[in-house]
Amino acid sequence: MDGRSNLLRDAQRREVVDRSARRRLGIATIGYEDQAIDDLIARVDAEELRSVLGHVLEALPAEQRDAVVGRVVLDRDYAGLADDSVDETAIRARVSRGLRALRIRLSGGRP
């Protein structure tokens, strides 16, 4: 027998023992769908990333931060972010620079 079949057999034995112990102790098992597990992992990852992202956003220059938040978080279009003092082209540049800075900081310095 190769090592993989031994690992599989050991895992199956442990599962039988675990199931038997749970039954004796009256511990119910709950089945989960793959999508529910993926959603849970995504929420945990988002919570962990939230504080990091907040710190990184705070480190951006105010103009870039406001442009990124307006465009990405608030889902406003570029024209809606532009005003009398800043045109749409400048807003696009601020969003682009801000997102690039976020990407570099979140990836550990890799562009």
Protein backbone atom coordinates (compact mmCIF):
# COMPACT_ATOMS: atom_id res chain seq x y z
CA MET A 1 0.00 0.00 0.00
CA ASP A 2 1.19 3.48 -0.72
CA GLY A 3 1.20 6.38 1.75
CA ARG A 4 -1.88 8.02 0.27
CA SER A 5 -4.14 5.04 0.91
CA ASN A 6 -2.84 4.87 4.49
CA LEU A 7 -3.65 8.57 4.97
CA LEU A 8 -7.11 8.04 3.57
CA ARG A 9 -7.72 5.00 5.78
CA ASP A 10 -6.50 6.94 8.85
CA ALA A 11 -8.78 9.87 8.03
CA GLN A 12 -11.75 7.54 7.64
CA ARG A 13 -10.97 5.86 11.00
CA ARG A 14 -10.72 9.23 12.73
CA GLU A 15 -14.05 10.30 11.20
CA VAL A 16 -15.73 7.14 12.52
CA VAL A 17 -14.27 7.71 16.00
CA ASP A 18 -15.26 11.41 15.94
CA ARG A 19 -18.80 10.61 14.79
CA SER A 20 -19.17 7.97 17.49
CA ALA A 21 -17.89 10.34 20.20
CA ARG A 22 -20.24 13.12 19.06
CA ARG A 23 -23.18 10.70 19.15
CA ARG A 24 -22.29 9.47 22.68
CA LEU A 25 -21.89 13.04 23.95
CA GLY A 26 -25.07 14.24 22.26
CA ILE A 27 -23.26 16.83 20.13
CA ALA A 28 -25.24 17.62 17.02
CA THR A 29 -23.45 18.17 13.75
CA ILE A 30 -24.59 20.83 11.35
CA GLY A 31 -24.17 20.39 7.64
CA TYR A 32 -23.14 23.40 5.58
CA GLU A 33 -23.35 24.10 1.91
CA ASP A 34 -20.17 25.03 0.09
CA GLN A 35 -21.60 28.46 -0.75
CA ALA A 36 -22.36 29.16 2.92
CA ILE A 37 -18.78 28.31 3.86
CA ASP A 38 -17.42 30.50 1.06
CA ASP A 39 -19.66 33.37 2.22
CA LEU A 40 -18.45 32.99 5.80
CA ILE A 41 -14.80 32.99 4.72
CA ALA A 42 -15.41 36.09 2.59
CA ARG A 43 -17.04 37.91 5.55
CA VAL A 44 -14.15 37.01 7.86
CA ASP A 45 -11.64 38.14 5.25
CA ALA A 46 -13.57 41.38 4.74
CA GLU A 47 -13.61 42.08 8.48
CA GLU A 48 -9.86 41.49 8.72
CA LEU A 49 -9.25 43.67 5.68
CA ARG A 50 -11.56 46.45 6.88
CA SER A 51 -9.20 47.84 9.52
CA VAL A 52 -6.16 47.46 7.27
CA LEU A 53 -7.99 49.21 4.45
CA GLY A 54 -9.09 52.00 6.79
CA HIS A 55 -5.50 52.67 7.81
CA VAL A 56 -4.28 52.58 4.23
CA LEU A 57 -7.06 54.92 3.10
CA GLU A 58 -6.18 57.36 5.88
CA ALA A 59 -2.59 57.40 4.62
CA LEU A 60 -3.68 58.62 1.17
CA PRO A 61 -3.68 62.33 0.42
CA ALA A 62 -7.15 63.75 1.15
CA GLU A 63 -7.90 64.47 -2.52
CA GLN A 64 -7.13 60.88 -3.57
CA ARG A 65 -8.96 59.40 -0.56
CA ASP A 66 -12.09 61.46 -1.27
CA ALA A 67 -11.99 60.53 -4.97
CA VAL A 68 -11.53 56.79 -4.25
CA VAL A 69 -14.26 56.73 -1.60
CA GLY A 70 -16.63 58.66 -3.85
CA ARG A 71 -16.01 56.46 -6.87
CA VAL A 72 -15.58 53.00 -5.31
CA VAL A 73 -17.46 53.08 -2.01
CA LEU A 74 -20.28 55.48 -2.89
CA ASP A 75 -20.39 54.30 -6.54
CA ARG A 76 -20.62 57.81 -7.93
CA ASP A 77 -19.62 58.48 -11.52
CA TYR A 78 -16.69 60.73 -12.38
CA ALA A 79 -18.91 63.53 -13.59
CA GLY A 80 -20.78 63.46 -10.28
CA LEU A 81 -17.51 63.79 -8.37
CA ALA A 82 -16.29 66.72 -10.46
CA ASP A 83 -17.22 70.24 -9.46
CA ASP A 84 -16.35 73.83 -10.36
CA SER A 85 -12.84 73.57 -8.93
CA VAL A 86 -11.94 70.07 -10.18
CA ASP A 87 -12.79 68.67 -13.60
CA GLU A 88 -13.60 65.07 -14.48
CA THR A 89 -10.10 64.37 -15.86
CA ALA A 90 -8.51 65.38 -12.55
CA ILE A 91 -10.97 63.17 -10.64
CA ARG A 92 -10.09 60.21 -12.88
CA ALA A 93 -6.39 60.80 -12.21
CA ARG A 94 -6.96 61.01 -8.44
CA VAL A 95 -8.97 57.79 -8.40
CA SER A 96 -6.35 56.04 -10.52
CA ARG A 97 -3.46 57.21 -8.33
CA GLY A 98 -5.35 56.40 -5.15
CA LEU A 99 -6.24 52.88 -6.28
CA ARG A 100 -2.65 52.28 -7.39
CA ALA A 101 -1.36 53.45 -3.99
CA LEU A 102 -3.85 51.17 -2.23
CA ARG A 103 -2.85 48.22 -4.37
CA ILE A 104 0.85 48.79 -3.67
CA ARG A 105 0.36 49.20 0.09
CA LEU A 106 -1.98 46.22 0.40
CA SER A 107 0.31 43.98 -1.64
CA GLY A 108 3.33 44.75 0.52
CA GLY A 109 4.97 47.17 -1.91
CA ARG A 110 4.50 45.22 -5.13
CA PRO A 111 2.80 47.22 -7.92
